[in-house]
Amino acid sequence: MRGLAWVLGVLILLLQYPLWLGKGSWLKVWDLERQLDAQLAANQALQSRNDELAEEVRDLKTGYDALEERARYELGMIRQDEVFFQVMETSATRPDGEKRP
């Protein structure tokens, strides 16, 4: 009877091995679920970025406001009826080389 208990105990341990450490074990399933969650979060961030870029493309194709804004800030363009003023920052020294108070 004692030998039968040992055999059954070993069989139970052999059946438990694939469940905990085998190819489709709980540890691997848990790790794959964690990787899946991380990938889903990355996909969501990329999807929101793609949506923003698609909105910008749609705005550039249909409206002139975005096009005018890009021309002003990126290319330095102005309209025909506008006057351009360039503001220069003052330096910390006078023309004679002395520092200003």
N, C-alpha and C. Protein backbone atom coordinates (compact mmCIF):
# COMPACT_ATOMS: atom_id res chain seq x y z
N MET A 1 0.82 -1.19 0.00
CA MET A 1 0.00 0.00 0.00
C MET A 1 0.87 1.26 0.00
N ARG A 2 1.98 1.18 0.73
CA ARG A 2 2.88 2.31 0.80
C ARG A 2 3.50 2.60 -0.57
N GLY A 3 3.83 1.57 -1.31
CA GLY A 3 4.39 1.71 -2.65
C GLY A 3 3.38 2.34 -3.62
N LEU A 4 2.12 1.99 -3.46
CA LEU A 4 1.08 2.53 -4.31
C LEU A 4 0.91 4.04 -4.05
N ALA A 5 1.04 4.44 -2.81
CA ALA A 5 0.95 5.87 -2.47
C ALA A 5 2.11 6.63 -3.11
N TRP A 6 3.30 6.05 -3.07
CA TRP A 6 4.45 6.71 -3.70
C TRP A 6 4.27 6.81 -5.22
N VAL A 7 3.77 5.81 -5.83
CA VAL A 7 3.56 5.81 -7.28
C VAL A 7 2.52 6.86 -7.65
N LEU A 8 1.44 6.92 -6.89
CA LEU A 8 0.41 7.93 -7.15
C LEU A 8 0.94 9.34 -6.91
N GLY A 9 1.76 9.52 -5.89
CA GLY A 9 2.37 10.83 -5.62
C GLY A 9 3.27 11.27 -6.76
N VAL A 10 4.08 10.35 -7.29
CA VAL A 10 4.96 10.66 -8.40
C VAL A 10 4.14 10.97 -9.65
N LEU A 11 3.07 10.24 -9.88
CA LEU A 11 2.21 10.50 -11.04
C LEU A 11 1.57 11.88 -10.94
N ILE A 12 1.16 12.25 -9.76
CA ILE A 12 0.57 13.60 -9.57
C ILE A 12 1.62 14.66 -9.86
N LEU A 13 2.83 14.46 -9.38
CA LEU A 13 3.89 15.42 -9.66
C LEU A 13 4.20 15.48 -11.16
N LEU A 14 4.20 14.35 -11.83
CA LEU A 14 4.46 14.33 -13.26
C LEU A 14 3.33 15.03 -14.04
N LEU A 15 2.12 14.94 -13.55
CA LEU A 15 1.01 15.63 -14.19
C LEU A 15 1.05 17.13 -13.93
N GLN A 16 1.59 17.55 -12.80
CA GLN A 16 1.67 18.95 -12.45
C GLN A 16 2.79 19.69 -13.19
N TYR A 17 3.84 18.96 -13.59
CA TYR A 17 4.97 19.59 -14.26
C TYR A 17 4.55 20.38 -15.50
N PRO A 18 3.80 19.81 -16.45
CA PRO A 18 3.41 20.60 -17.63
C PRO A 18 2.53 21.80 -17.29
N LEU A 19 1.74 21.66 -16.23
CA LEU A 19 0.86 22.76 -15.84
C LEU A 19 1.65 23.98 -15.38
N TRP A 20 2.74 23.77 -14.65
CA TRP A 20 3.50 24.89 -14.09
C TRP A 20 4.74 25.25 -14.90
N LEU A 21 5.40 24.29 -15.51
CA LEU A 21 6.68 24.56 -16.16
C LEU A 21 6.76 24.13 -17.61
N GLY A 22 5.74 23.54 -18.17
CA GLY A 22 5.79 23.02 -19.53
C GLY A 22 5.59 24.09 -20.60
N LYS A 23 5.32 23.63 -21.84
CA LYS A 23 5.20 24.52 -22.98
C LYS A 23 4.03 25.50 -22.85
N GLY A 24 2.90 25.07 -22.39
CA GLY A 24 1.74 25.94 -22.23
C GLY A 24 1.44 26.21 -20.77
N SER A 25 2.46 26.42 -19.98
CA SER A 25 2.29 26.55 -18.53
C SER A 25 1.64 27.87 -18.15
N TRP A 26 1.23 27.95 -16.91
CA TRP A 26 0.60 29.16 -16.38
C TRP A 26 1.57 30.33 -16.41
N LEU A 27 2.84 30.08 -16.16
CA LEU A 27 3.83 31.15 -16.16
C LEU A 27 3.99 31.76 -17.56
N LYS A 28 4.01 30.90 -18.58
CA LYS A 28 4.13 31.41 -19.94
C LYS A 28 2.87 32.15 -20.37
N VAL A 29 1.72 31.64 -19.98
CA VAL A 29 0.46 32.32 -20.30
C VAL A 29 0.43 33.68 -19.64
N TRP A 30 0.85 33.76 -18.40
CA TRP A 30 0.88 35.05 -17.68
C TRP A 30 1.83 36.02 -18.37
N ASP A 31 3.00 35.53 -18.78
CA ASP A 31 3.97 36.38 -19.47
C ASP A 31 3.42 36.87 -20.82
N LEU A 32 2.77 35.98 -21.56
CA LEU A 32 2.19 36.38 -22.84
C LEU A 32 1.05 37.39 -22.66
N GLU A 33 0.26 37.25 -21.62
CA GLU A 33 -0.80 38.24 -21.34
C GLU A 33 -0.20 39.60 -21.02
N ARG A 34 0.90 39.61 -20.27
CA ARG A 34 1.57 40.86 -19.95
C ARG A 34 2.13 41.52 -21.22
N GLN A 35 2.73 40.72 -22.10
CA GLN A 35 3.23 41.25 -23.36
C GLN A 35 2.11 41.76 -24.25
N LEU A 36 0.98 41.06 -24.24
CA LEU A 36 -0.18 41.48 -25.02
C LEU A 36 -0.71 42.82 -24.53
N ASP A 37 -0.79 43.00 -23.21
CA ASP A 37 -1.26 44.27 -22.66
C ASP A 37 -0.33 45.42 -23.04
N ALA A 38 0.97 45.17 -22.99
CA ALA A 38 1.94 46.21 -23.37
C ALA A 38 1.81 46.55 -24.85
N GLN A 39 1.62 45.55 -25.70
CA GLN A 39 1.48 45.79 -27.14
C GLN A 39 0.19 46.53 -27.44
N LEU A 40 -0.89 46.19 -26.74
CA LEU A 40 -2.15 46.90 -26.95
C LEU A 40 -2.04 48.37 -26.56
N ALA A 41 -1.31 48.66 -25.47
CA ALA A 41 -1.11 50.05 -25.07
C ALA A 41 -0.28 50.80 -26.11
N ALA A 42 0.75 50.15 -26.64
CA ALA A 42 1.57 50.78 -27.68
C ALA A 42 0.75 51.01 -28.94
N ASN A 43 -0.08 50.05 -29.29
CA ASN A 43 -0.94 50.21 -30.48
C ASN A 43 -1.92 51.35 -30.30
N GLN A 44 -2.46 51.49 -29.10
CA GLN A 44 -3.41 52.58 -28.84
C GLN A 44 -2.72 53.94 -28.98
N ALA A 45 -1.50 54.06 -28.49
CA ALA A 45 -0.76 55.32 -28.61
C ALA A 45 -0.47 55.62 -30.09
N LEU A 46 -0.08 54.62 -30.84
CA LEU A 46 0.18 54.82 -32.26
C LEU A 46 -1.10 55.15 -33.04
N GLN A 47 -2.21 54.55 -32.62
CA GLN A 47 -3.48 54.83 -33.29
C GLN A 47 -3.90 56.28 -33.06
N SER A 48 -3.72 56.78 -31.84
CA SER A 48 -4.08 58.17 -31.57
C SER A 48 -3.16 59.12 -32.35
N ARG A 49 -1.88 58.77 -32.48
CA ARG A 49 -0.95 59.58 -33.27
C ARG A 49 -1.37 59.58 -34.74
N ASN A 50 -1.74 58.41 -35.25
CA ASN A 50 -2.19 58.33 -36.64
C ASN A 50 -3.46 59.14 -36.87
N ASP A 51 -4.36 59.13 -35.89
CA ASP A 51 -5.59 59.92 -36.01
C ASP A 51 -5.28 61.41 -36.07
N GLU A 52 -4.33 61.85 -35.24
CA GLU A 52 -3.94 63.27 -35.25
C GLU A 52 -3.31 63.65 -36.59
N LEU A 53 -2.45 62.78 -37.11
CA LEU A 53 -1.83 63.06 -38.41
C LEU A 53 -2.86 63.06 -39.54
N ALA A 54 -3.82 62.15 -39.47
CA ALA A 54 -4.86 62.11 -40.50
C ALA A 54 -5.71 63.38 -40.44
N GLU A 55 -5.99 63.85 -39.24
CA GLU A 55 -6.75 65.10 -39.09
C GLU A 55 -5.97 66.28 -39.65
N GLU A 56 -4.66 66.30 -39.41
CA GLU A 56 -3.83 67.38 -39.94
C GLU A 56 -3.79 67.35 -41.47
N VAL A 57 -3.69 66.16 -42.05
CA VAL A 57 -3.70 66.03 -43.50
C VAL A 57 -5.04 66.49 -44.06
N ARG A 58 -6.12 66.08 -43.41
CA ARG A 58 -7.46 66.49 -43.86
C ARG A 58 -7.61 68.00 -43.77
N ASP A 59 -7.08 68.59 -42.72
CA ASP A 59 -7.16 70.04 -42.55
C ASP A 59 -6.33 70.76 -43.61
N LEU A 60 -5.16 70.22 -43.92
CA LEU A 60 -4.32 70.84 -44.96
C LEU A 60 -4.95 70.73 -46.35
N LYS A 61 -5.68 69.64 -46.59
CA LYS A 61 -6.30 69.46 -47.90
C LYS A 61 -7.54 70.33 -48.08
N THR A 62 -8.29 70.57 -46.99
CA THR A 62 -9.57 71.26 -47.14
C THR A 62 -9.53 72.72 -46.74
N GLY A 63 -8.77 73.06 -45.72
CA GLY A 63 -8.81 74.43 -45.21
C GLY A 63 -7.53 75.19 -45.50
N TYR A 64 -7.67 76.50 -45.56
CA TYR A 64 -6.51 77.34 -45.83
C TYR A 64 -5.88 77.87 -44.54
N ASP A 65 -6.56 77.73 -43.41
CA ASP A 65 -6.02 78.24 -42.15
C ASP A 65 -4.74 77.52 -41.77
N ALA A 66 -4.75 76.20 -41.83
CA ALA A 66 -3.55 75.44 -41.47
C ALA A 66 -2.43 75.69 -42.47
N LEU A 67 -2.80 75.81 -43.73
CA LEU A 67 -1.79 76.08 -44.76
C LEU A 67 -1.15 77.45 -44.53
N GLU A 68 -1.97 78.44 -44.21
CA GLU A 68 -1.45 79.79 -43.95
C GLU A 68 -0.57 79.80 -42.70
N GLU A 69 -0.98 79.07 -41.67
CA GLU A 69 -0.20 79.01 -40.44
C GLU A 69 1.18 78.40 -40.70
N ARG A 70 1.22 77.32 -41.46
CA ARG A 70 2.52 76.71 -41.79
C ARG A 70 3.38 77.65 -42.62
N ALA A 71 2.77 78.35 -43.56
CA ALA A 71 3.54 79.27 -44.40
C ALA A 71 4.12 80.40 -43.55
N ARG A 72 3.38 80.88 -42.58
CA ARG A 72 3.86 81.97 -41.73
C ARG A 72 4.99 81.52 -40.81
N TYR A 73 4.77 80.43 -40.09
CA TYR A 73 5.73 80.04 -39.05
C TYR A 73 6.91 79.23 -39.56
N GLU A 74 6.70 78.41 -40.55
CA GLU A 74 7.80 77.58 -41.02
C GLU A 74 8.57 78.22 -42.17
N LEU A 75 7.90 79.01 -43.00
CA LEU A 75 8.57 79.61 -44.16
C LEU A 75 8.77 81.11 -44.03
N GLY A 76 8.16 81.72 -43.01
CA GLY A 76 8.33 83.16 -42.80
C GLY A 76 7.61 84.02 -43.82
N MET A 77 6.55 83.52 -44.41
CA MET A 77 5.82 84.27 -45.42
C MET A 77 4.82 85.23 -44.78
N ILE A 78 4.50 86.31 -45.50
CA ILE A 78 3.49 87.26 -45.06
C ILE A 78 2.54 87.53 -46.21
N ARG A 79 1.38 88.10 -45.89
CA ARG A 79 0.42 88.46 -46.94
C ARG A 79 0.88 89.71 -47.66
N GLN A 80 0.24 89.96 -48.79
CA GLN A 80 0.62 91.09 -49.62
C GLN A 80 0.30 92.43 -48.94
N ASP A 81 -0.79 92.50 -48.19
CA ASP A 81 -1.20 93.76 -47.57
C ASP A 81 -0.67 93.92 -46.15
N GLU A 82 0.22 93.09 -45.70
CA GLU A 82 0.76 93.17 -44.35
C GLU A 82 2.13 93.86 -44.34
N VAL A 83 2.46 94.40 -43.17
CA VAL A 83 3.77 95.02 -42.98
C VAL A 83 4.54 94.13 -42.00
N PHE A 84 5.76 93.83 -42.36
CA PHE A 84 6.58 92.95 -41.54
C PHE A 84 7.48 93.77 -40.62
N PHE A 85 7.44 93.47 -39.33
CA PHE A 85 8.32 94.11 -38.35
C PHE A 85 9.17 93.02 -37.73
N GLN A 86 10.47 93.24 -37.73
CA GLN A 86 11.38 92.30 -37.09
C GLN A 86 11.91 92.94 -35.83
N VAL A 87 11.72 92.29 -34.70
CA VAL A 87 12.16 92.81 -33.41
C VAL A 87 13.48 92.14 -33.07
N MET A 88 14.49 92.96 -32.88
CA MET A 88 15.82 92.45 -32.54
C MET A 88 16.00 92.52 -31.03
N GLU A 89 16.57 91.51 -30.46
CA GLU A 89 16.85 91.52 -29.03
C GLU A 89 18.07 92.39 -28.78
N THR A 90 18.04 93.10 -27.66
CA THR A 90 19.19 93.95 -27.34
C THR A 90 20.30 93.11 -26.73
N SER A 91 21.52 93.50 -27.02
CA SER A 91 22.64 92.76 -26.46
C SER A 91 22.95 93.27 -25.07
N ALA A 92 23.74 92.54 -24.33
CA ALA A 92 24.04 92.90 -22.95
C ALA A 92 25.19 93.90 -22.86
N THR A 93 25.81 94.25 -23.98
CA THR A 93 26.91 95.21 -23.94
C THR A 93 26.60 96.39 -24.85
N ARG A 94 27.21 97.52 -24.54
CA ARG A 94 27.07 98.72 -25.38
C ARG A 94 28.00 98.60 -26.58
N PRO A 95 27.77 99.44 -27.58
CA PRO A 95 28.66 99.38 -28.74
C PRO A 95 30.11 99.64 -28.37
N ASP A 96 30.35 100.42 -27.29
CA ASP A 96 31.76 100.68 -26.93
C ASP A 96 32.37 99.57 -26.09
N GLY A 97 31.60 98.48 -25.84
CA GLY A 97 32.15 97.31 -25.15
C GLY A 97 31.85 97.25 -23.68
N GLU A 98 31.27 98.30 -23.09
CA GLU A 98 30.97 98.27 -21.66
C GLU A 98 29.66 97.54 -21.43
N LYS A 99 29.57 96.90 -20.28
CA LYS A 99 28.35 96.18 -19.93
C LYS A 99 27.30 97.16 -19.46
N ARG A 100 26.06 96.86 -19.77
CA ARG A 100 24.94 97.69 -19.33
C ARG A 100 24.62 97.37 -17.88
N PRO A 101 24.13 98.37 -17.14
CA PRO A 101 23.78 98.12 -15.74
C PRO A 101 22.53 97.28 -15.61
